[in-house]
Amino acid sequence: MQTTELLHAGITGRIINAFYPVYDELGYGFLENVYRGALEVELRRHNLVYRREIPIDVFYRGNRVGYYKADFLVEDKIIVEAKASRTLDDADRKQLLNNLRATRIEAGLLLHFGPKATFKRMVFENDRKRALQESYV
């Protein structure tokens, strides 16, 4: 029986361990910015190095055509998006997937502060991405 290690399992595990205390204390119903602020406190408590609201450039045929911000980049390896809604929809998952597609970062977490605390882990390997630009994260 072959087992495979999840990409950056240690880091994603620590992020998830930071996520649940925030949900346990705040519950459901706050705006996303409140959860992001509380998650930032927990990331620090878990001694995780992170950057908040990092700009991600989007390129098309070698031209920068726009940018958007990811909620967190943790340990320069995991993009984290926090959502506070009743349900997660396809657009939420696609947002994280596009964050991964536009960068050299291969793993991401979608943390859902909904009626029930849930998370989605996504991986998009660099060798499957179309031409990456040198200026990407």
N, C-alpha and C. Protein backbone atom coordinates (compact mmCIF):
# COMPACT_ATOMS: atom_id res chain seq x y z
N MET A 1 0.84 -1.18 0.00
CA MET A 1 0.00 0.00 0.00
C MET A 1 0.89 1.25 0.00
N GLN A 2 0.71 2.08 -1.00
CA GLN A 2 1.53 3.28 -1.14
C GLN A 2 0.83 4.46 -0.49
N THR A 3 1.56 5.24 0.31
CA THR A 3 1.00 6.45 0.90
C THR A 3 1.74 7.64 0.33
N THR A 4 1.04 8.72 0.16
CA THR A 4 1.68 9.93 -0.34
C THR A 4 1.45 11.04 0.66
N GLU A 5 2.49 11.79 0.90
CA GLU A 5 2.44 12.93 1.81
C GLU A 5 1.75 14.10 1.11
N LEU A 6 0.83 14.74 1.81
CA LEU A 6 0.20 15.93 1.27
C LEU A 6 1.23 17.05 1.16
N LEU A 7 1.17 17.82 0.09
CA LEU A 7 2.07 18.94 -0.12
C LEU A 7 1.93 19.93 1.03
N HIS A 8 3.03 20.23 1.70
CA HIS A 8 3.08 21.18 2.81
C HIS A 8 2.09 20.83 3.92
N ALA A 9 1.96 19.55 4.20
CA ALA A 9 0.98 19.08 5.20
C ALA A 9 1.20 19.72 6.57
N GLY A 10 2.44 19.87 6.98
CA GLY A 10 2.72 20.45 8.29
C GLY A 10 2.21 21.88 8.42
N ILE A 11 2.45 22.65 7.39
CA ILE A 11 2.03 24.06 7.42
C ILE A 11 0.51 24.16 7.32
N THR A 12 -0.09 23.42 6.39
CA THR A 12 -1.56 23.50 6.27
C THR A 12 -2.22 23.01 7.55
N GLY A 13 -1.64 22.01 8.19
CA GLY A 13 -2.19 21.54 9.46
C GLY A 13 -2.16 22.61 10.53
N ARG A 14 -1.07 23.36 10.59
CA ARG A 14 -0.96 24.45 11.57
C ARG A 14 -1.95 25.57 11.27
N ILE A 15 -2.17 25.85 9.99
CA ILE A 15 -3.15 26.89 9.62
C ILE A 15 -4.56 26.44 10.03
N ILE A 16 -4.87 25.19 9.76
CA ILE A 16 -6.19 24.66 10.13
C ILE A 16 -6.35 24.69 11.66
N ASN A 17 -5.27 24.38 12.37
CA ASN A 17 -5.32 24.45 13.84
C ASN A 17 -5.47 25.89 14.34
N ALA A 18 -5.13 26.87 13.52
CA ALA A 18 -5.36 28.28 13.86
C ALA A 18 -6.79 28.69 13.50
N PHE A 19 -7.35 28.06 12.49
CA PHE A 19 -8.70 28.38 12.00
C PHE A 19 -9.79 28.00 13.01
N TYR A 20 -9.73 26.80 13.54
CA TYR A 20 -10.82 26.32 14.40
C TYR A 20 -11.01 27.11 15.69
N PRO A 21 -9.95 27.54 16.39
CA PRO A 21 -10.18 28.37 17.58
C PRO A 21 -10.90 29.68 17.26
N VAL A 22 -10.60 30.27 16.10
CA VAL A 22 -11.29 31.50 15.69
C VAL A 22 -12.77 31.21 15.53
N TYR A 23 -13.09 30.13 14.83
CA TYR A 23 -14.50 29.79 14.63
C TYR A 23 -15.16 29.43 15.96
N ASP A 24 -14.47 28.67 16.79
CA ASP A 24 -15.06 28.26 18.07
C ASP A 24 -15.42 29.46 18.94
N GLU A 25 -14.59 30.49 18.92
CA GLU A 25 -14.84 31.65 19.76
C GLU A 25 -15.82 32.64 19.13
N LEU A 26 -15.70 32.89 17.83
CA LEU A 26 -16.54 33.90 17.19
C LEU A 26 -17.83 33.35 16.61
N GLY A 27 -17.83 32.07 16.25
CA GLY A 27 -19.03 31.49 15.65
C GLY A 27 -19.29 32.05 14.26
N TYR A 28 -20.52 31.96 13.84
CA TYR A 28 -20.94 32.37 12.50
C TYR A 28 -21.64 33.72 12.55
N GLY A 29 -21.41 34.56 11.53
CA GLY A 29 -22.20 35.77 11.40
C GLY A 29 -21.43 37.07 11.28
N PHE A 30 -20.14 37.06 11.51
CA PHE A 30 -19.36 38.29 11.36
C PHE A 30 -18.94 38.48 9.91
N LEU A 31 -18.49 39.68 9.59
CA LEU A 31 -17.95 39.96 8.27
C LEU A 31 -16.58 39.30 8.12
N GLU A 32 -16.20 39.06 6.88
CA GLU A 32 -14.92 38.40 6.60
C GLU A 32 -13.75 39.11 7.23
N ASN A 33 -13.77 40.43 7.25
CA ASN A 33 -12.63 41.18 7.79
C ASN A 33 -12.41 40.88 9.27
N VAL A 34 -13.48 40.63 10.01
CA VAL A 34 -13.36 40.27 11.43
C VAL A 34 -12.65 38.93 11.56
N TYR A 35 -13.07 37.96 10.76
CA TYR A 35 -12.42 36.64 10.80
C TYR A 35 -10.96 36.73 10.36
N ARG A 36 -10.67 37.54 9.37
CA ARG A 36 -9.28 37.69 8.92
C ARG A 36 -8.42 38.26 10.05
N GLY A 37 -8.94 39.27 10.74
CA GLY A 37 -8.20 39.85 11.86
C GLY A 37 -7.95 38.84 12.97
N ALA A 38 -8.96 38.06 13.30
CA ALA A 38 -8.80 37.04 14.34
C ALA A 38 -7.86 35.93 13.87
N LEU A 39 -7.96 35.56 12.61
CA LEU A 39 -7.07 34.54 12.07
C LEU A 39 -5.62 35.02 12.11
N GLU A 40 -5.41 36.29 11.86
CA GLU A 40 -4.06 36.85 11.94
C GLU A 40 -3.50 36.68 13.35
N VAL A 41 -4.31 36.92 14.37
CA VAL A 41 -3.88 36.72 15.76
C VAL A 41 -3.47 35.27 15.98
N GLU A 42 -4.27 34.34 15.48
CA GLU A 42 -3.98 32.91 15.66
C GLU A 42 -2.75 32.47 14.87
N LEU A 43 -2.57 33.00 13.67
CA LEU A 43 -1.37 32.65 12.90
C LEU A 43 -0.12 33.06 13.67
N ARG A 44 -0.15 34.23 14.29
CA ARG A 44 0.98 34.67 15.11
C ARG A 44 1.16 33.74 16.31
N ARG A 45 0.07 33.37 16.96
CA ARG A 45 0.14 32.46 18.12
C ARG A 45 0.75 31.11 17.74
N HIS A 46 0.52 30.69 16.49
CA HIS A 46 1.05 29.42 16.01
C HIS A 46 2.43 29.58 15.36
N ASN A 47 3.03 30.77 15.56
CA ASN A 47 4.38 31.06 15.04
C ASN A 47 4.51 30.82 13.54
N LEU A 48 3.48 31.19 12.81
CA LEU A 48 3.51 31.09 11.36
C LEU A 48 3.87 32.45 10.76
N VAL A 49 4.76 32.44 9.80
CA VAL A 49 5.15 33.67 9.11
C VAL A 49 4.14 33.88 7.99
N TYR A 50 3.58 35.07 7.91
CA TYR A 50 2.53 35.34 6.92
C TYR A 50 2.61 36.78 6.44
N ARG A 51 2.00 37.00 5.29
CA ARG A 51 1.75 38.35 4.79
C ARG A 51 0.26 38.43 4.50
N ARG A 52 -0.33 39.56 4.78
CA ARG A 52 -1.77 39.73 4.62
C ARG A 52 -2.06 40.62 3.42
N GLU A 53 -3.11 40.28 2.69
CA GLU A 53 -3.59 41.03 1.52
C GLU A 53 -2.45 41.30 0.54
N ILE A 54 -1.85 40.22 0.08
CA ILE A 54 -0.74 40.35 -0.86
C ILE A 54 -1.27 40.53 -2.28
N PRO A 55 -0.69 41.47 -3.02
CA PRO A 55 -1.13 41.66 -4.40
C PRO A 55 -0.61 40.53 -5.29
N ILE A 56 -1.47 40.06 -6.16
CA ILE A 56 -1.10 39.03 -7.13
C ILE A 56 -1.35 39.60 -8.51
N ASP A 57 -0.29 39.70 -9.30
CA ASP A 57 -0.41 40.18 -10.67
C ASP A 57 -0.97 39.08 -11.55
N VAL A 58 -1.78 39.47 -12.51
CA VAL A 58 -2.32 38.53 -13.50
C VAL A 58 -1.76 38.93 -14.86
N PHE A 59 -1.21 37.93 -15.55
CA PHE A 59 -0.59 38.16 -16.84
C PHE A 59 -1.36 37.45 -17.94
N TYR A 60 -1.35 38.06 -19.10
CA TYR A 60 -1.90 37.44 -20.30
C TYR A 60 -0.89 37.66 -21.42
N ARG A 61 -0.38 36.57 -21.96
CA ARG A 61 0.62 36.63 -23.03
C ARG A 61 1.77 37.56 -22.69
N GLY A 62 2.25 37.43 -21.45
CA GLY A 62 3.40 38.21 -21.02
C GLY A 62 3.10 39.63 -20.61
N ASN A 63 1.85 40.04 -20.67
CA ASN A 63 1.46 41.40 -20.29
C ASN A 63 0.67 41.38 -18.99
N ARG A 64 1.04 42.27 -18.08
CA ARG A 64 0.28 42.41 -16.84
C ARG A 64 -1.06 43.05 -17.19
N VAL A 65 -2.14 42.33 -16.91
CA VAL A 65 -3.47 42.82 -17.29
C VAL A 65 -4.33 43.16 -16.08
N GLY A 66 -3.83 42.93 -14.90
CA GLY A 66 -4.58 43.25 -13.70
C GLY A 66 -3.93 42.63 -12.48
N TYR A 67 -4.59 42.86 -11.36
CA TYR A 67 -4.12 42.25 -10.12
C TYR A 67 -5.30 42.16 -9.16
N TYR A 68 -5.13 41.35 -8.16
CA TYR A 68 -6.07 41.29 -7.05
C TYR A 68 -5.30 40.89 -5.81
N LYS A 69 -5.95 40.82 -4.67
CA LYS A 69 -5.26 40.53 -3.42
C LYS A 69 -5.72 39.21 -2.83
N ALA A 70 -4.75 38.42 -2.41
CA ALA A 70 -5.04 37.21 -1.66
C ALA A 70 -5.08 37.58 -0.18
N ASP A 71 -5.93 36.92 0.59
CA ASP A 71 -6.07 37.26 2.01
C ASP A 71 -4.75 37.08 2.76
N PHE A 72 -4.13 35.91 2.61
CA PHE A 72 -2.87 35.63 3.30
C PHE A 72 -1.96 34.78 2.42
N LEU A 73 -0.67 34.99 2.60
CA LEU A 73 0.34 34.07 2.09
C LEU A 73 1.11 33.62 3.33
N VAL A 74 1.06 32.32 3.63
CA VAL A 74 1.65 31.79 4.86
C VAL A 74 2.91 31.01 4.51
N GLU A 75 3.99 31.35 5.22
CA GLU A 75 5.29 30.69 5.06
C GLU A 75 5.76 30.69 3.60
N ASP A 76 5.28 31.64 2.81
CA ASP A 76 5.61 31.74 1.38
C ASP A 76 5.28 30.46 0.62
N LYS A 77 4.34 29.67 1.15
CA LYS A 77 4.00 28.39 0.52
C LYS A 77 2.51 28.14 0.37
N ILE A 78 1.67 28.79 1.17
CA ILE A 78 0.24 28.50 1.19
C ILE A 78 -0.55 29.80 1.03
N ILE A 79 -1.42 29.84 0.03
CA ILE A 79 -2.35 30.97 -0.10
C ILE A 79 -3.61 30.61 0.70
N VAL A 80 -4.05 31.54 1.53
CA VAL A 80 -5.24 31.31 2.36
C VAL A 80 -6.29 32.35 2.01
N GLU A 81 -7.48 31.88 1.70
CA GLU A 81 -8.64 32.74 1.47
C GLU A 81 -9.67 32.43 2.55
N ALA A 82 -10.19 33.46 3.19
CA ALA A 82 -11.21 33.31 4.23
C ALA A 82 -12.54 33.80 3.68
N LYS A 83 -13.58 33.01 3.88
CA LYS A 83 -14.92 33.36 3.42
C LYS A 83 -15.89 33.27 4.58
N ALA A 84 -16.81 34.22 4.65
CA ALA A 84 -17.85 34.25 5.67
C ALA A 84 -19.19 34.39 4.96
N SER A 85 -19.77 33.28 4.62
CA SER A 85 -21.04 33.28 3.90
C SER A 85 -21.84 32.06 4.34
N ARG A 86 -23.08 32.02 3.95
CA ARG A 86 -23.91 30.87 4.32
C ARG A 86 -23.38 29.60 3.67
N THR A 87 -23.01 29.70 2.40
CA THR A 87 -22.48 28.54 1.67
C THR A 87 -21.27 28.98 0.85
N LEU A 88 -20.44 28.02 0.52
CA LEU A 88 -19.37 28.25 -0.45
C LEU A 88 -19.94 27.93 -1.82
N ASP A 89 -19.60 28.75 -2.78
CA ASP A 89 -20.04 28.43 -4.14
C ASP A 89 -18.84 28.26 -5.05
N ASP A 90 -19.12 27.95 -6.29
CA ASP A 90 -18.05 27.71 -7.26
C ASP A 90 -17.10 28.90 -7.39
N ALA A 91 -17.63 30.11 -7.30
CA ALA A 91 -16.79 31.31 -7.44
C ALA A 91 -15.74 31.38 -6.34
N ASP A 92 -16.07 30.94 -5.13
CA ASP A 92 -15.11 30.95 -4.03
C ASP A 92 -13.96 29.98 -4.31
N ARG A 93 -14.29 28.79 -4.77
CA ARG A 93 -13.26 27.80 -5.09
C ARG A 93 -12.42 28.26 -6.28
N LYS A 94 -13.07 28.85 -7.27
CA LYS A 94 -12.34 29.33 -8.45
C LYS A 94 -11.41 30.49 -8.10
N GLN A 95 -11.81 31.32 -7.14
CA GLN A 95 -10.94 32.41 -6.72
C GLN A 95 -9.62 31.86 -6.18
N LEU A 96 -9.69 30.85 -5.32
CA LEU A 96 -8.46 30.26 -4.80
C LEU A 96 -7.68 29.57 -5.91
N LEU A 97 -8.36 28.86 -6.77
CA LEU A 97 -7.69 28.19 -7.89
C LEU A 97 -6.97 29.21 -8.77
N ASN A 98 -7.61 30.34 -9.05
CA ASN A 98 -6.97 31.39 -9.86
C ASN A 98 -5.79 32.02 -9.13
N ASN A 99 -5.88 32.16 -7.80
CA ASN A 99 -4.73 32.64 -7.03
C ASN A 99 -3.54 31.71 -7.25
N LEU A 100 -3.80 30.41 -7.20
CA LEU A 100 -2.73 29.44 -7.38
C LEU A 100 -2.23 29.46 -8.83
N ARG A 101 -3.14 29.57 -9.76
CA ARG A 101 -2.78 29.58 -11.19
C ARG A 101 -1.88 30.76 -11.53
N ALA A 102 -2.08 31.90 -10.90
CA ALA A 102 -1.35 33.12 -11.23
C ALA A 102 -0.01 33.23 -10.51
N THR A 103 0.32 32.28 -9.64
CA THR A 103 1.54 32.36 -8.86
C THR A 103 2.34 31.06 -8.95
N ARG A 104 3.50 31.07 -8.34
CA ARG A 104 4.29 29.85 -8.22
C ARG A 104 3.92 29.07 -6.96
N ILE A 105 2.94 29.56 -6.22
CA ILE A 105 2.46 28.86 -5.03
C ILE A 105 1.59 27.70 -5.49
N GLU A 106 1.82 26.53 -4.89
CA GLU A 106 1.11 25.34 -5.36
C GLU A 106 -0.03 24.88 -4.45
N ALA A 107 -0.07 25.34 -3.21
CA ALA A 107 -1.10 24.87 -2.27
C ALA A 107 -1.88 26.04 -1.70
N GLY A 108 -3.17 25.80 -1.47
CA GLY A 108 -4.02 26.83 -0.90
C GLY A 108 -5.08 26.24 0.01
N LEU A 109 -5.57 27.09 0.91
CA LEU A 109 -6.66 26.71 1.80
C LEU A 109 -7.78 27.73 1.67
N LEU A 110 -8.98 27.24 1.55
CA LEU A 110 -10.18 28.06 1.57
C LEU A 110 -10.84 27.79 2.92
N LEU A 111 -10.83 28.79 3.80
CA LEU A 111 -11.39 28.63 5.14
C LEU A 111 -12.79 29.25 5.15
N HIS A 112 -13.78 28.45 5.50
CA HIS A 112 -15.17 28.91 5.45
C HIS A 112 -15.71 29.08 6.86
N PHE A 113 -15.95 30.35 7.21
CA PHE A 113 -16.55 30.70 8.49
C PHE A 113 -18.07 30.78 8.28
N GLY A 114 -18.68 29.69 7.92
CA GLY A 114 -20.11 29.63 7.64
C GLY A 114 -20.87 29.08 8.83
N PRO A 115 -22.11 28.62 8.61
CA PRO A 115 -22.88 28.03 9.71
C PRO A 115 -22.14 26.87 10.37
N LYS A 116 -21.29 26.20 9.60
CA LYS A 116 -20.42 25.15 10.11
C LYS A 116 -19.01 25.46 9.59
N ALA A 117 -18.02 25.35 10.47
CA ALA A 117 -16.64 25.61 10.07
C ALA A 117 -16.17 24.50 9.13
N THR A 118 -15.73 24.90 7.93
CA THR A 118 -15.21 23.93 6.97
C THR A 118 -14.01 24.53 6.26
N PHE A 119 -13.23 23.67 5.64
CA PHE A 119 -12.11 24.15 4.84
C PHE A 119 -11.98 23.27 3.62
N LYS A 120 -11.38 23.85 2.60
CA LYS A 120 -11.10 23.14 1.34
C LYS A 120 -9.63 23.34 1.05
N ARG A 121 -8.93 22.26 0.81
CA ARG A 121 -7.51 22.31 0.47
C ARG A 121 -7.37 22.10 -1.03
N MET A 122 -6.57 22.94 -1.69
CA MET A 122 -6.39 22.82 -3.13
C MET A 122 -4.90 22.82 -3.46
N VAL A 123 -4.56 22.06 -4.49
CA VAL A 123 -3.19 22.01 -4.98
C VAL A 123 -3.23 22.20 -6.49
N PHE A 124 -2.36 23.06 -6.98
CA PHE A 124 -2.21 23.28 -8.42
C PHE A 124 -0.71 23.30 -8.68
N GLU A 125 -0.18 22.19 -9.17
CA GLU A 125 1.26 22.03 -9.35
C GLU A 125 1.78 22.94 -10.45
N ASN A 126 2.96 23.50 -10.21
CA ASN A 126 3.55 24.44 -11.17
C ASN A 126 3.76 23.84 -12.54
N ASP A 127 4.09 22.56 -12.62
CA ASP A 127 4.33 21.97 -13.94
C ASP A 127 3.04 21.81 -14.74
N ARG A 128 1.90 22.05 -14.14
CA ARG A 128 0.62 22.01 -14.85
C ARG A 128 0.13 23.41 -15.23
N LYS A 129 0.84 24.43 -14.78
CA LYS A 129 0.42 25.81 -15.06
C LYS A 129 1.01 26.25 -16.39
N ARG A 130 0.28 27.10 -17.07
CA ARG A 130 0.82 27.67 -18.31
C ARG A 130 1.97 28.59 -17.94
N ALA A 131 2.68 29.06 -18.94
CA ALA A 131 3.90 29.86 -18.73
C ALA A 131 3.78 30.83 -17.57
N LEU A 132 4.60 30.61 -16.57
CA LEU A 132 4.65 31.51 -15.41
C LEU A 132 5.65 32.63 -15.68
N GLN A 133 5.32 33.81 -15.25
CA GLN A 133 6.21 34.96 -15.42
C GLN A 133 7.21 35.03 -14.28
N GLU A 134 8.38 35.54 -14.53
CA GLU A 134 9.41 35.67 -13.50
C GLU A 134 8.98 36.59 -12.36
N SER A 135 8.08 37.52 -12.63
CA SER A 135 7.70 38.49 -11.60
C SER A 135 6.62 37.98 -10.67
N TYR A 136 6.16 36.76 -10.84
CA TYR A 136 5.12 36.22 -9.98
C TYR A 136 5.65 35.97 -8.58
N VAL A 137 4.71 35.85 -7.62
CA VAL A 137 5.04 35.54 -6.23
C VAL A 137 5.83 34.25 -6.17
